[in-house]
Amino acid sequence: MILPLILRDTHRGLRAAGLPVAFFLIAATLFPFAVGPDARLLAKAGGGMLWLAALLAALLPIERLVAPDAESGVLDQLAARGIADEGIAAAKIAAHWLAFGPPLMLAALPGAALLGLDGPTLGRLEAGLAIGTPALAALGVTVAALTAGLRGAGALAGLVLLPLAVPLLIFGAGALAPGDAQALKLLAATALLITFGAPFAAGAALKSHRD
């Protein structure tokens, strides 16, 4: 049941993936208008801005990650079949990443071109996104599970998720500096901790909705 759940949620997410990608590209397009045409300034600040745009793009689908299944009884049916809440949460994290992570990494190519990022910086950006986006997906599902069924869940989820994602943003932007391997290692360690810990936190939240 886990694989069909991943496939179903991934398909559902890919159908709505245009919105996060469009938001990401719009942010990359508008940033030069905000800071001016200075190419060196754009190249210096553009990578960090793309990381911030990736974080906000991960927030956009948060209301549909858990709440629809909780309201329709799908989560109850999965639990009745003996599927652990942690397994359900892990499946949703994997599906959320598959639906927004790779498309976002592809969108970073034109985004980097719009901001004038050079090849090495783009390589470090893509490496950081490959490491960090699973953790963003894990945080998104965990916060969605915590806020499912609450009034104003979308706004509340944003308030909860943004502080938790700050370490990813700091280390991801820091890894863009030439020769700064330490920041990339810290990003990997933080992302690993979040990604592997999130299914247990999200699973506990899913279980609490049934109690």
N, C-alpha and C. Protein backbone atom coordinates (compact mmCIF):
# COMPACT_ATOMS: atom_id res chain seq x y z
N MET A 1 0.82 -1.22 0.00
CA MET A 1 0.00 0.00 0.00
C MET A 1 0.84 1.26 0.00
N ILE A 2 2.10 1.18 0.43
CA ILE A 2 2.94 2.36 0.50
C ILE A 2 3.27 2.89 -0.90
N LEU A 3 3.66 1.98 -1.80
CA LEU A 3 4.02 2.41 -3.16
C LEU A 3 2.83 3.03 -3.89
N PRO A 4 1.64 2.41 -3.87
CA PRO A 4 0.49 3.07 -4.50
C PRO A 4 0.19 4.44 -3.90
N LEU A 5 0.40 4.58 -2.58
CA LEU A 5 0.17 5.88 -1.95
C LEU A 5 1.17 6.92 -2.46
N ILE A 6 2.44 6.51 -2.61
CA ILE A 6 3.45 7.43 -3.15
C ILE A 6 3.10 7.83 -4.58
N LEU A 7 2.72 6.83 -5.39
CA LEU A 7 2.40 7.11 -6.79
C LEU A 7 1.18 8.02 -6.90
N ARG A 8 0.16 7.76 -6.08
CA ARG A 8 -1.05 8.59 -6.13
C ARG A 8 -0.75 10.03 -5.73
N ASP A 9 -0.02 10.21 -4.63
CA ASP A 9 0.27 11.56 -4.16
C ASP A 9 1.23 12.28 -5.10
N THR A 10 2.17 11.53 -5.69
CA THR A 10 3.10 12.16 -6.64
C THR A 10 2.34 12.64 -7.87
N HIS A 11 1.43 11.81 -8.38
CA HIS A 11 0.64 12.21 -9.54
C HIS A 11 -0.21 13.42 -9.22
N ARG A 12 -0.81 13.42 -8.04
CA ARG A 12 -1.62 14.57 -7.63
C ARG A 12 -0.75 15.82 -7.50
N GLY A 13 0.45 15.65 -6.95
CA GLY A 13 1.34 16.79 -6.78
C GLY A 13 1.86 17.33 -8.09
N LEU A 14 2.17 16.44 -9.04
CA LEU A 14 2.69 16.88 -10.33
C LEU A 14 1.64 17.68 -11.11
N ARG A 15 0.37 17.33 -10.92
CA ARG A 15 -0.67 18.09 -11.61
C ARG A 15 -0.74 19.53 -11.12
N ALA A 16 -0.30 19.76 -9.87
CA ALA A 16 -0.31 21.11 -9.32
C ALA A 16 1.09 21.70 -9.22
N ALA A 17 2.09 21.03 -9.84
CA ALA A 17 3.48 21.49 -9.70
C ALA A 17 3.74 22.79 -10.44
N GLY A 18 2.85 23.14 -11.37
CA GLY A 18 3.08 24.36 -12.13
C GLY A 18 3.09 25.61 -11.27
N LEU A 19 2.29 25.61 -10.18
CA LEU A 19 2.22 26.79 -9.33
C LEU A 19 3.52 27.06 -8.58
N PRO A 20 4.11 26.06 -7.88
CA PRO A 20 5.39 26.33 -7.23
C PRO A 20 6.49 26.72 -8.21
N VAL A 21 6.53 26.05 -9.37
CA VAL A 21 7.56 26.37 -10.36
C VAL A 21 7.35 27.78 -10.91
N ALA A 22 6.10 28.13 -11.19
CA ALA A 22 5.81 29.48 -11.68
C ALA A 22 6.17 30.53 -10.64
N PHE A 23 5.86 30.26 -9.37
CA PHE A 23 6.23 31.19 -8.30
C PHE A 23 7.75 31.36 -8.25
N PHE A 24 8.47 30.26 -8.35
CA PHE A 24 9.92 30.29 -8.30
C PHE A 24 10.49 31.15 -9.43
N LEU A 25 9.99 30.95 -10.63
CA LEU A 25 10.50 31.70 -11.78
C LEU A 25 10.08 33.16 -11.74
N ILE A 26 8.89 33.43 -11.25
CA ILE A 26 8.45 34.82 -11.13
C ILE A 26 9.33 35.56 -10.13
N ALA A 27 9.66 34.89 -9.02
CA ALA A 27 10.54 35.52 -8.03
C ALA A 27 11.91 35.81 -8.64
N ALA A 28 12.44 34.87 -9.43
CA ALA A 28 13.73 35.09 -10.08
C ALA A 28 13.65 36.22 -11.11
N THR A 29 12.50 36.38 -11.74
CA THR A 29 12.33 37.43 -12.74
C THR A 29 12.22 38.80 -12.09
N LEU A 30 11.51 38.88 -10.97
CA LEU A 30 11.26 40.17 -10.33
C LEU A 30 12.43 40.66 -9.50
N PHE A 31 13.27 39.74 -9.02
CA PHE A 31 14.38 40.15 -8.14
C PHE A 31 15.29 41.19 -8.77
N PRO A 32 15.68 41.05 -10.05
CA PRO A 32 16.54 42.08 -10.65
C PRO A 32 15.88 43.46 -10.67
N PHE A 33 14.56 43.52 -10.80
CA PHE A 33 13.88 44.82 -10.78
C PHE A 33 13.95 45.45 -9.39
N ALA A 34 14.03 44.59 -8.35
CA ALA A 34 14.05 45.11 -6.98
C ALA A 34 15.43 45.63 -6.58
N VAL A 35 16.49 44.96 -7.03
CA VAL A 35 17.85 45.34 -6.59
C VAL A 35 18.61 46.13 -7.63
N GLY A 36 18.09 46.21 -8.85
CA GLY A 36 18.77 46.99 -9.89
C GLY A 36 19.58 46.10 -10.82
N PRO A 37 20.19 46.70 -11.84
CA PRO A 37 20.85 45.92 -12.89
C PRO A 37 22.31 45.57 -12.59
N ASP A 38 22.79 45.83 -11.39
CA ASP A 38 24.18 45.54 -11.06
C ASP A 38 24.43 44.03 -11.13
N ALA A 39 25.21 43.60 -12.12
CA ALA A 39 25.40 42.17 -12.35
C ALA A 39 26.11 41.49 -11.18
N ARG A 40 27.09 42.17 -10.59
CA ARG A 40 27.81 41.56 -9.48
C ARG A 40 26.92 41.41 -8.25
N LEU A 41 26.07 42.40 -8.01
CA LEU A 41 25.15 42.31 -6.88
C LEU A 41 24.13 41.19 -7.10
N LEU A 42 23.63 41.09 -8.33
CA LEU A 42 22.68 40.02 -8.64
C LEU A 42 23.30 38.65 -8.45
N ALA A 43 24.53 38.50 -8.95
CA ALA A 43 25.20 37.20 -8.84
C ALA A 43 25.49 36.86 -7.39
N LYS A 44 25.78 37.88 -6.57
CA LYS A 44 26.12 37.64 -5.17
C LYS A 44 24.88 37.28 -4.35
N ALA A 45 23.77 37.98 -4.60
CA ALA A 45 22.56 37.78 -3.80
C ALA A 45 21.56 36.82 -4.44
N GLY A 46 21.73 36.55 -5.74
CA GLY A 46 20.73 35.77 -6.45
C GLY A 46 20.57 34.35 -5.95
N GLY A 47 21.68 33.70 -5.60
CA GLY A 47 21.59 32.32 -5.12
C GLY A 47 20.78 32.21 -3.83
N GLY A 48 21.04 33.12 -2.91
CA GLY A 48 20.27 33.13 -1.66
C GLY A 48 18.80 33.40 -1.91
N MET A 49 18.51 34.29 -2.87
CA MET A 49 17.12 34.58 -3.20
C MET A 49 16.43 33.34 -3.77
N LEU A 50 17.15 32.56 -4.60
CA LEU A 50 16.56 31.34 -5.16
C LEU A 50 16.28 30.33 -4.05
N TRP A 51 17.14 30.27 -3.03
CA TRP A 51 16.88 29.39 -1.90
C TRP A 51 15.62 29.82 -1.15
N LEU A 52 15.48 31.12 -0.96
CA LEU A 52 14.28 31.63 -0.29
C LEU A 52 13.04 31.33 -1.13
N ALA A 53 13.14 31.49 -2.45
CA ALA A 53 12.01 31.18 -3.32
C ALA A 53 11.66 29.70 -3.26
N ALA A 54 12.69 28.83 -3.18
CA ALA A 54 12.43 27.39 -3.06
C ALA A 54 11.70 27.06 -1.77
N LEU A 55 12.10 27.72 -0.69
CA LEU A 55 11.42 27.51 0.59
C LEU A 55 9.95 27.91 0.52
N LEU A 56 9.69 29.08 -0.05
CA LEU A 56 8.30 29.54 -0.14
C LEU A 56 7.50 28.68 -1.12
N ALA A 57 8.14 28.21 -2.19
CA ALA A 57 7.45 27.34 -3.15
C ALA A 57 7.04 26.03 -2.49
N ALA A 58 7.86 25.54 -1.56
CA ALA A 58 7.50 24.31 -0.85
C ALA A 58 6.29 24.50 0.04
N LEU A 59 6.01 25.74 0.40
CA LEU A 59 4.85 26.04 1.26
C LEU A 59 3.53 26.03 0.50
N LEU A 60 3.58 26.32 -0.79
CA LEU A 60 2.34 26.55 -1.54
C LEU A 60 1.36 25.37 -1.49
N PRO A 61 1.82 24.12 -1.66
CA PRO A 61 0.84 23.01 -1.67
C PRO A 61 0.56 22.42 -0.30
N ILE A 62 0.92 23.09 0.77
CA ILE A 62 0.93 22.45 2.08
C ILE A 62 -0.48 22.05 2.54
N GLU A 63 -1.51 22.80 2.12
CA GLU A 63 -2.86 22.50 2.58
C GLU A 63 -3.43 21.22 1.97
N ARG A 64 -2.86 20.76 0.86
CA ARG A 64 -3.40 19.57 0.22
C ARG A 64 -2.58 18.32 0.54
N LEU A 65 -1.56 18.43 1.36
CA LEU A 65 -0.69 17.28 1.61
C LEU A 65 -1.34 16.25 2.53
N VAL A 66 -2.04 16.70 3.54
CA VAL A 66 -2.61 15.78 4.54
C VAL A 66 -4.10 16.00 4.73
N ALA A 67 -4.54 17.25 4.78
CA ALA A 67 -5.92 17.56 5.14
C ALA A 67 -6.96 16.83 4.28
N PRO A 68 -6.84 16.78 2.94
CA PRO A 68 -7.87 16.07 2.16
C PRO A 68 -8.03 14.61 2.54
N ASP A 69 -6.91 13.92 2.79
CA ASP A 69 -6.99 12.50 3.18
C ASP A 69 -7.54 12.34 4.59
N ALA A 70 -7.22 13.29 5.46
CA ALA A 70 -7.75 13.23 6.83
C ALA A 70 -9.26 13.44 6.83
N GLU A 71 -9.73 14.37 6.01
CA GLU A 71 -11.16 14.68 5.98
C GLU A 71 -11.97 13.59 5.29
N SER A 72 -11.40 12.94 4.29
CA SER A 72 -12.13 11.92 3.54
C SER A 72 -12.05 10.54 4.17
N GLY A 73 -11.26 10.38 5.22
CA GLY A 73 -11.15 9.09 5.89
C GLY A 73 -10.11 8.16 5.32
N VAL A 74 -9.32 8.62 4.35
CA VAL A 74 -8.29 7.76 3.75
C VAL A 74 -7.26 7.35 4.78
N LEU A 75 -6.86 8.27 5.63
CA LEU A 75 -5.86 7.94 6.66
C LEU A 75 -6.39 6.89 7.62
N ASP A 76 -7.68 6.97 7.96
CA ASP A 76 -8.28 5.96 8.84
C ASP A 76 -8.28 4.59 8.17
N GLN A 77 -8.58 4.55 6.87
CA GLN A 77 -8.59 3.28 6.16
C GLN A 77 -7.19 2.67 6.09
N LEU A 78 -6.19 3.52 5.87
CA LEU A 78 -4.81 3.01 5.82
C LEU A 78 -4.40 2.46 7.18
N ALA A 79 -4.76 3.17 8.24
CA ALA A 79 -4.43 2.70 9.59
C ALA A 79 -5.16 1.40 9.90
N ALA A 80 -6.41 1.27 9.45
CA ALA A 80 -7.17 0.04 9.70
C ALA A 80 -6.56 -1.16 8.98
N ARG A 81 -5.83 -0.90 7.91
CA ARG A 81 -5.15 -1.98 7.19
C ARG A 81 -3.80 -2.31 7.79
N GLY A 82 -3.47 -1.68 8.89
CA GLY A 82 -2.24 -2.01 9.59
C GLY A 82 -1.02 -1.25 9.14
N ILE A 83 -1.20 -0.20 8.35
CA ILE A 83 -0.05 0.60 7.89
C ILE A 83 0.30 1.61 8.97
N ALA A 84 1.53 1.61 9.38
CA ALA A 84 1.97 2.50 10.46
C ALA A 84 1.87 3.96 10.03
N ASP A 85 1.54 4.80 10.98
CA ASP A 85 1.44 6.23 10.69
C ASP A 85 2.77 6.79 10.19
N GLU A 86 3.87 6.26 10.72
CA GLU A 86 5.18 6.72 10.26
C GLU A 86 5.42 6.35 8.80
N GLY A 87 4.92 5.18 8.39
CA GLY A 87 5.05 4.77 7.00
C GLY A 87 4.22 5.65 6.08
N ILE A 88 3.01 6.00 6.52
CA ILE A 88 2.17 6.92 5.74
C ILE A 88 2.86 8.26 5.59
N ALA A 89 3.41 8.77 6.69
CA ALA A 89 4.10 10.06 6.65
C ALA A 89 5.30 10.01 5.72
N ALA A 90 6.09 8.92 5.80
CA ALA A 90 7.25 8.79 4.93
C ALA A 90 6.85 8.74 3.46
N ALA A 91 5.74 8.05 3.16
CA ALA A 91 5.25 7.99 1.79
C ALA A 91 4.85 9.38 1.29
N LYS A 92 4.19 10.15 2.13
CA LYS A 92 3.76 11.49 1.74
C LYS A 92 4.97 12.42 1.56
N ILE A 93 5.99 12.25 2.39
CA ILE A 93 7.21 13.04 2.23
C ILE A 93 7.88 12.73 0.89
N ALA A 94 7.99 11.43 0.58
CA ALA A 94 8.61 11.04 -0.69
C ALA A 94 7.82 11.58 -1.87
N ALA A 95 6.50 11.50 -1.81
CA ALA A 95 5.66 11.98 -2.90
C ALA A 95 5.75 13.49 -3.04
N HIS A 96 5.76 14.20 -1.91
CA HIS A 96 5.85 15.66 -1.96
C HIS A 96 7.17 16.08 -2.59
N TRP A 97 8.26 15.39 -2.24
CA TRP A 97 9.56 15.75 -2.83
C TRP A 97 9.58 15.44 -4.33
N LEU A 98 9.07 14.29 -4.72
CA LEU A 98 9.06 13.93 -6.14
C LEU A 98 8.25 14.92 -6.97
N ALA A 99 7.21 15.49 -6.35
CA ALA A 99 6.34 16.40 -7.09
C ALA A 99 6.91 17.80 -7.22
N PHE A 100 7.73 18.24 -6.23
CA PHE A 100 8.20 19.62 -6.33
C PHE A 100 9.72 19.75 -6.38
N GLY A 101 10.48 18.75 -5.87
CA GLY A 101 11.93 18.86 -5.83
C GLY A 101 12.59 18.87 -7.20
N PRO A 102 12.45 17.80 -8.00
CA PRO A 102 13.07 17.81 -9.34
C PRO A 102 12.57 18.94 -10.24
N PRO A 103 11.24 19.24 -10.29
CA PRO A 103 10.83 20.40 -11.11
C PRO A 103 11.47 21.71 -10.65
N LEU A 104 11.66 21.86 -9.35
CA LEU A 104 12.29 23.08 -8.84
C LEU A 104 13.76 23.15 -9.24
N MET A 105 14.43 22.01 -9.22
CA MET A 105 15.83 21.99 -9.63
C MET A 105 15.98 22.30 -11.11
N LEU A 106 15.02 21.85 -11.92
CA LEU A 106 15.04 22.21 -13.34
C LEU A 106 14.76 23.70 -13.53
N ALA A 107 13.81 24.23 -12.74
CA ALA A 107 13.48 25.65 -12.85
C ALA A 107 14.63 26.53 -12.39
N ALA A 108 15.54 25.97 -11.57
CA ALA A 108 16.69 26.75 -11.13
C ALA A 108 17.64 27.08 -12.28
N LEU A 109 17.60 26.32 -13.36
CA LEU A 109 18.47 26.59 -14.51
C LEU A 109 18.13 27.93 -15.17
N PRO A 110 16.87 28.14 -15.60
CA PRO A 110 16.54 29.47 -16.13
C PRO A 110 16.58 30.54 -15.05
N GLY A 111 16.27 30.18 -13.80
CA GLY A 111 16.33 31.16 -12.72
C GLY A 111 17.75 31.67 -12.53
N ALA A 112 18.72 30.76 -12.58
CA ALA A 112 20.12 31.17 -12.44
C ALA A 112 20.56 32.04 -13.62
N ALA A 113 20.06 31.72 -14.81
CA ALA A 113 20.40 32.53 -15.98
C ALA A 113 19.84 33.94 -15.85
N LEU A 114 18.64 34.07 -15.32
CA LEU A 114 18.04 35.39 -15.14
C LEU A 114 18.84 36.24 -14.16
N LEU A 115 19.47 35.59 -13.19
CA LEU A 115 20.22 36.31 -12.16
C LEU A 115 21.71 36.39 -12.46
N GLY A 116 22.13 35.81 -13.56
CA GLY A 116 23.54 35.91 -13.95
C GLY A 116 24.48 35.06 -13.12
N LEU A 117 24.01 33.95 -12.57
CA LEU A 117 24.89 33.07 -11.81
C LEU A 117 25.81 32.32 -12.75
N ASP A 118 27.09 32.19 -12.37
CA ASP A 118 28.02 31.47 -13.23
C ASP A 118 27.86 29.96 -13.04
N GLY A 119 28.57 29.20 -13.87
CA GLY A 119 28.45 27.75 -13.85
C GLY A 119 28.77 27.10 -12.51
N PRO A 120 29.91 27.44 -11.88
CA PRO A 120 30.22 26.83 -10.58
C PRO A 120 29.18 27.14 -9.50
N THR A 121 28.69 28.38 -9.50
CA THR A 121 27.67 28.75 -8.51
C THR A 121 26.39 27.97 -8.75
N LEU A 122 26.03 27.82 -10.03
CA LEU A 122 24.84 27.04 -10.36
C LEU A 122 25.01 25.59 -9.92
N GLY A 123 26.21 25.04 -10.11
CA GLY A 123 26.46 23.67 -9.66
C GLY A 123 26.29 23.52 -8.16
N ARG A 124 26.82 24.50 -7.40
CA ARG A 124 26.66 24.44 -5.94
C ARG A 124 25.20 24.63 -5.53
N LEU A 125 24.48 25.49 -6.28
CA LEU A 125 23.05 25.68 -6.01
C LEU A 125 22.28 24.39 -6.23
N GLU A 126 22.53 23.72 -7.34
CA GLU A 126 21.82 22.48 -7.64
C GLU A 126 22.16 21.39 -6.63
N ALA A 127 23.44 21.32 -6.23
CA ALA A 127 23.82 20.33 -5.22
C ALA A 127 23.11 20.61 -3.90
N GLY A 128 23.06 21.89 -3.52
CA GLY A 128 22.37 22.25 -2.29
C GLY A 128 20.89 21.95 -2.34
N LEU A 129 20.26 22.24 -3.47
CA LEU A 129 18.83 21.95 -3.60
C LEU A 129 18.57 20.44 -3.57
N ALA A 130 19.46 19.66 -4.20
CA ALA A 130 19.30 18.21 -4.17
C ALA A 130 19.37 17.68 -2.74
N ILE A 131 20.21 18.31 -1.91
CA ILE A 131 20.35 17.88 -0.52
C ILE A 131 19.22 18.44 0.34
N GLY A 132 18.86 19.70 0.11
CA GLY A 132 17.95 20.39 1.01
C GLY A 132 16.47 20.22 0.74
N THR A 133 16.10 20.00 -0.54
CA THR A 133 14.67 19.91 -0.84
C THR A 133 13.97 18.72 -0.19
N PRO A 134 14.63 17.54 0.00
CA PRO A 134 13.94 16.49 0.76
C PRO A 134 13.59 16.93 2.18
N ALA A 135 14.47 17.72 2.80
CA ALA A 135 14.17 18.21 4.14
C ALA A 135 13.03 19.21 4.12
N LEU A 136 12.97 20.05 3.07
CA LEU A 136 11.84 20.97 2.93
C LEU A 136 10.53 20.20 2.78
N ALA A 137 10.57 19.12 1.99
CA ALA A 137 9.38 18.28 1.83
C ALA A 137 9.00 17.64 3.15
N ALA A 138 10.00 17.18 3.92
CA ALA A 138 9.72 16.55 5.21
C ALA A 138 9.10 17.54 6.18
N LEU A 139 9.62 18.76 6.22
CA LEU A 139 9.05 19.79 7.08
C LEU A 139 7.62 20.12 6.64
N GLY A 140 7.41 20.20 5.31
CA GLY A 140 6.09 20.52 4.81
C GLY A 140 5.04 19.51 5.23
N VAL A 141 5.35 18.22 5.10
CA VAL A 141 4.39 17.18 5.48
C VAL A 141 4.17 17.17 6.98
N THR A 142 5.25 17.36 7.75
CA THR A 142 5.11 17.37 9.21
C THR A 142 4.21 18.51 9.67
N VAL A 143 4.44 19.69 9.15
CA VAL A 143 3.62 20.85 9.53
C VAL A 143 2.20 20.67 9.02
N ALA A 144 2.03 20.08 7.83
CA ALA A 144 0.69 19.83 7.31
C ALA A 144 -0.06 18.86 8.21
N ALA A 145 0.65 17.85 8.72
CA ALA A 145 0.01 16.89 9.63
C ALA A 145 -0.36 17.56 10.96
N LEU A 146 0.48 18.45 11.43
CA LEU A 146 0.20 19.13 12.70
C LEU A 146 -0.99 20.08 12.60
N THR A 147 -1.17 20.71 11.44
CA THR A 147 -2.20 21.74 11.30
C THR A 147 -3.44 21.26 10.56
N ALA A 148 -3.49 19.99 10.15
CA ALA A 148 -4.63 19.48 9.39
C ALA A 148 -5.92 19.64 10.20
N GLY A 149 -6.93 20.18 9.56
CA GLY A 149 -8.23 20.34 10.21
C GLY A 149 -8.39 21.60 11.01
N LEU A 150 -7.33 22.39 11.15
CA LEU A 150 -7.42 23.62 11.91
C LEU A 150 -7.88 24.77 11.02
N ARG A 151 -8.59 25.72 11.58
CA ARG A 151 -9.01 26.88 10.82
C ARG A 151 -7.78 27.74 10.49
N GLY A 152 -7.72 28.18 9.24
CA GLY A 152 -6.57 28.96 8.81
C GLY A 152 -5.29 28.15 8.80
N ALA A 153 -5.41 26.88 8.42
CA ALA A 153 -4.26 25.98 8.49
C ALA A 153 -3.11 26.44 7.61
N GLY A 154 -3.41 27.01 6.44
CA GLY A 154 -2.35 27.43 5.53
C GLY A 154 -1.47 28.50 6.14
N ALA A 155 -2.09 29.53 6.69
CA ALA A 155 -1.31 30.61 7.31
C ALA A 155 -0.57 30.12 8.53
N LEU A 156 -1.23 29.29 9.33
CA LEU A 156 -0.59 28.74 10.53
C LEU A 156 0.59 27.86 10.16
N ALA A 157 0.43 27.07 9.10
CA ALA A 157 1.52 26.20 8.66
C ALA A 157 2.73 27.02 8.25
N GLY A 158 2.50 28.14 7.57
CA GLY A 158 3.61 29.00 7.18
C GLY A 158 4.34 29.55 8.38
N LEU A 159 3.60 29.96 9.40
CA LEU A 159 4.23 30.51 10.61
C LEU A 159 5.05 29.45 11.34
N VAL A 160 4.59 28.20 11.28
CA VAL A 160 5.31 27.12 11.96
C VAL A 160 6.52 26.68 11.16
N LEU A 161 6.35 26.56 9.83
CA LEU A 161 7.41 25.99 9.01
C LEU A 161 8.59 26.93 8.81
N LEU A 162 8.34 28.21 8.61
CA LEU A 162 9.43 29.13 8.27
C LEU A 162 10.56 29.14 9.31
N PRO A 163 10.25 29.24 10.61
CA PRO A 163 11.37 29.20 11.57
C PRO A 163 12.14 27.88 11.55
N LEU A 164 11.43 26.77 11.33
CA LEU A 164 12.10 25.47 11.31
C LEU A 164 13.03 25.33 10.11
N ALA A 165 12.70 26.02 9.02
CA ALA A 165 13.49 25.92 7.80
C ALA A 165 14.66 26.89 7.75
N VAL A 166 14.79 27.76 8.74
CA VAL A 166 15.86 28.76 8.73
C VAL A 166 17.26 28.12 8.63
N PRO A 167 17.58 27.04 9.39
CA PRO A 167 18.91 26.44 9.22
C PRO A 167 19.19 25.97 7.80
N LEU A 168 18.18 25.40 7.14
CA LEU A 168 18.37 24.97 5.75
C LEU A 168 18.67 26.17 4.87
N LEU A 169 17.97 27.26 5.08
CA LEU A 169 18.17 28.46 4.29
C LEU A 169 19.56 29.03 4.51
N ILE A 170 19.99 29.08 5.76
CA ILE A 170 21.31 29.65 6.08
C ILE A 170 22.43 28.80 5.47
N PHE A 171 22.38 27.49 5.69
CA PHE A 171 23.44 26.63 5.19
C PHE A 171 23.37 26.50 3.66
N GLY A 172 22.16 26.48 3.10
CA GLY A 172 22.03 26.39 1.65
C GLY A 172 22.60 27.61 0.96
N ALA A 173 22.29 28.80 1.48
CA ALA A 173 22.85 30.02 0.89
C ALA A 173 24.34 30.11 1.16
N GLY A 174 24.78 29.65 2.34
CA GLY A 174 26.21 29.69 2.65
C GLY A 174 27.03 28.76 1.77
N ALA A 175 26.42 27.67 1.33
CA ALA A 175 27.15 26.72 0.48
C ALA A 175 27.43 27.26 -0.90
N LEU A 176 26.83 28.39 -1.27
CA LEU A 176 27.05 28.97 -2.60
C LEU A 176 28.39 29.68 -2.70
N ALA A 177 29.01 30.00 -1.56
CA ALA A 177 30.30 30.68 -1.58
C ALA A 177 31.37 29.74 -2.11
N PRO A 178 32.27 30.22 -2.98
CA PRO A 178 33.33 29.35 -3.52
C PRO A 178 34.21 28.78 -2.42
N GLY A 179 34.44 27.49 -2.47
CA GLY A 179 35.33 26.83 -1.53
C GLY A 179 34.79 26.63 -0.14
N ASP A 180 33.50 26.89 0.08
CA ASP A 180 32.92 26.72 1.41
C ASP A 180 32.24 25.36 1.50
N ALA A 181 33.06 24.32 1.68
CA ALA A 181 32.52 22.97 1.77
C ALA A 181 31.86 22.73 3.12
N GLN A 182 32.26 23.49 4.13
CA GLN A 182 31.72 23.29 5.46
C GLN A 182 30.21 23.54 5.50
N ALA A 183 29.77 24.60 4.81
CA ALA A 183 28.34 24.92 4.80
C ALA A 183 27.54 23.80 4.14
N LEU A 184 28.09 23.20 3.08
CA LEU A 184 27.39 22.12 2.41
C LEU A 184 27.29 20.90 3.32
N LYS A 185 28.35 20.65 4.10
CA LYS A 185 28.31 19.53 5.04
C LYS A 185 27.28 19.78 6.14
N LEU A 186 27.22 21.02 6.63
CA LEU A 186 26.22 21.36 7.64
C LEU A 186 24.81 21.25 7.07
N LEU A 187 24.65 21.66 5.80
CA LEU A 187 23.35 21.51 5.15
C LEU A 187 22.96 20.04 5.06
N ALA A 188 23.91 19.20 4.67
CA ALA A 188 23.63 17.76 4.54
C ALA A 188 23.27 17.16 5.90
N ALA A 189 24.00 17.55 6.95
CA ALA A 189 23.71 17.01 8.28
C ALA A 189 22.34 17.45 8.77
N THR A 190 22.02 18.72 8.56
CA THR A 190 20.71 19.24 8.99
C THR A 190 19.58 18.57 8.20
N ALA A 191 19.77 18.47 6.89
CA ALA A 191 18.75 17.86 6.05
C ALA A 191 18.54 16.40 6.41
N LEU A 192 19.62 15.69 6.71
CA LEU A 192 19.51 14.28 7.08
C LEU A 192 18.73 14.13 8.38
N LEU A 193 19.04 14.97 9.35
CA LEU A 193 18.34 14.91 10.64
C LEU A 193 16.85 15.19 10.47
N ILE A 194 16.52 16.21 9.68
CA ILE A 194 15.11 16.56 9.48
C ILE A 194 14.38 15.47 8.70
N THR A 195 15.00 14.99 7.63
CA THR A 195 14.33 14.03 6.75
C THR A 195 14.03 12.72 7.45
N PHE A 196 14.95 12.26 8.28
CA PHE A 196 14.74 10.97 8.95
C PHE A 196 13.96 11.11 10.24
N GLY A 197 13.91 12.30 10.81
CA GLY A 197 13.12 12.49 12.02
C GLY A 197 11.68 12.87 11.75
N ALA A 198 11.44 13.48 10.59
CA ALA A 198 10.11 13.99 10.28
C ALA A 198 9.03 12.91 10.22
N PRO A 199 9.27 11.70 9.66
CA PRO A 199 8.19 10.71 9.63
C PRO A 199 7.66 10.36 11.01
N PHE A 200 8.51 10.37 12.01
CA PHE A 200 8.05 10.03 13.37
C PHE A 200 7.21 11.17 13.96
N ALA A 201 7.66 12.41 13.73
CA ALA A 201 6.87 13.55 14.21
C ALA A 201 5.54 13.65 13.47
N ALA A 202 5.59 13.50 12.14
CA ALA A 202 4.35 13.57 11.35
C ALA A 202 3.44 12.40 11.67
N GLY A 203 4.03 11.20 11.88
CA GLY A 203 3.22 10.04 12.23
C GLY A 203 2.49 10.23 13.55
N ALA A 204 3.18 10.82 14.53
CA ALA A 204 2.53 11.09 15.82
C ALA A 204 1.39 12.09 15.64
N ALA A 205 1.58 13.09 14.76
CA ALA A 205 0.52 14.06 14.51
C ALA A 205 -0.67 13.38 13.82
N LEU A 206 -0.40 12.50 12.87
CA LEU A 206 -1.50 11.79 12.20
C LEU A 206 -2.28 10.93 13.18
N LYS A 207 -1.56 10.28 14.08
CA LYS A 207 -2.22 9.44 15.08
C LYS A 207 -3.10 10.27 16.01
N SER A 208 -2.63 11.46 16.36
CA SER A 208 -3.40 12.31 17.29
C SER A 208 -4.72 12.75 16.69
N HIS A 209 -4.81 12.84 15.35
CA HIS A 209 -6.06 13.23 14.72
C HIS A 209 -7.14 12.15 14.84
N ARG A 210 -6.72 10.90 15.06
CA ARG A 210 -7.66 9.80 15.18
C ARG A 210 -8.07 9.55 16.62
N ASP A 211 -7.30 10.07 17.56
CA ASP A 211 -7.59 9.84 18.99
C ASP A 211 -8.63 10.82 19.51
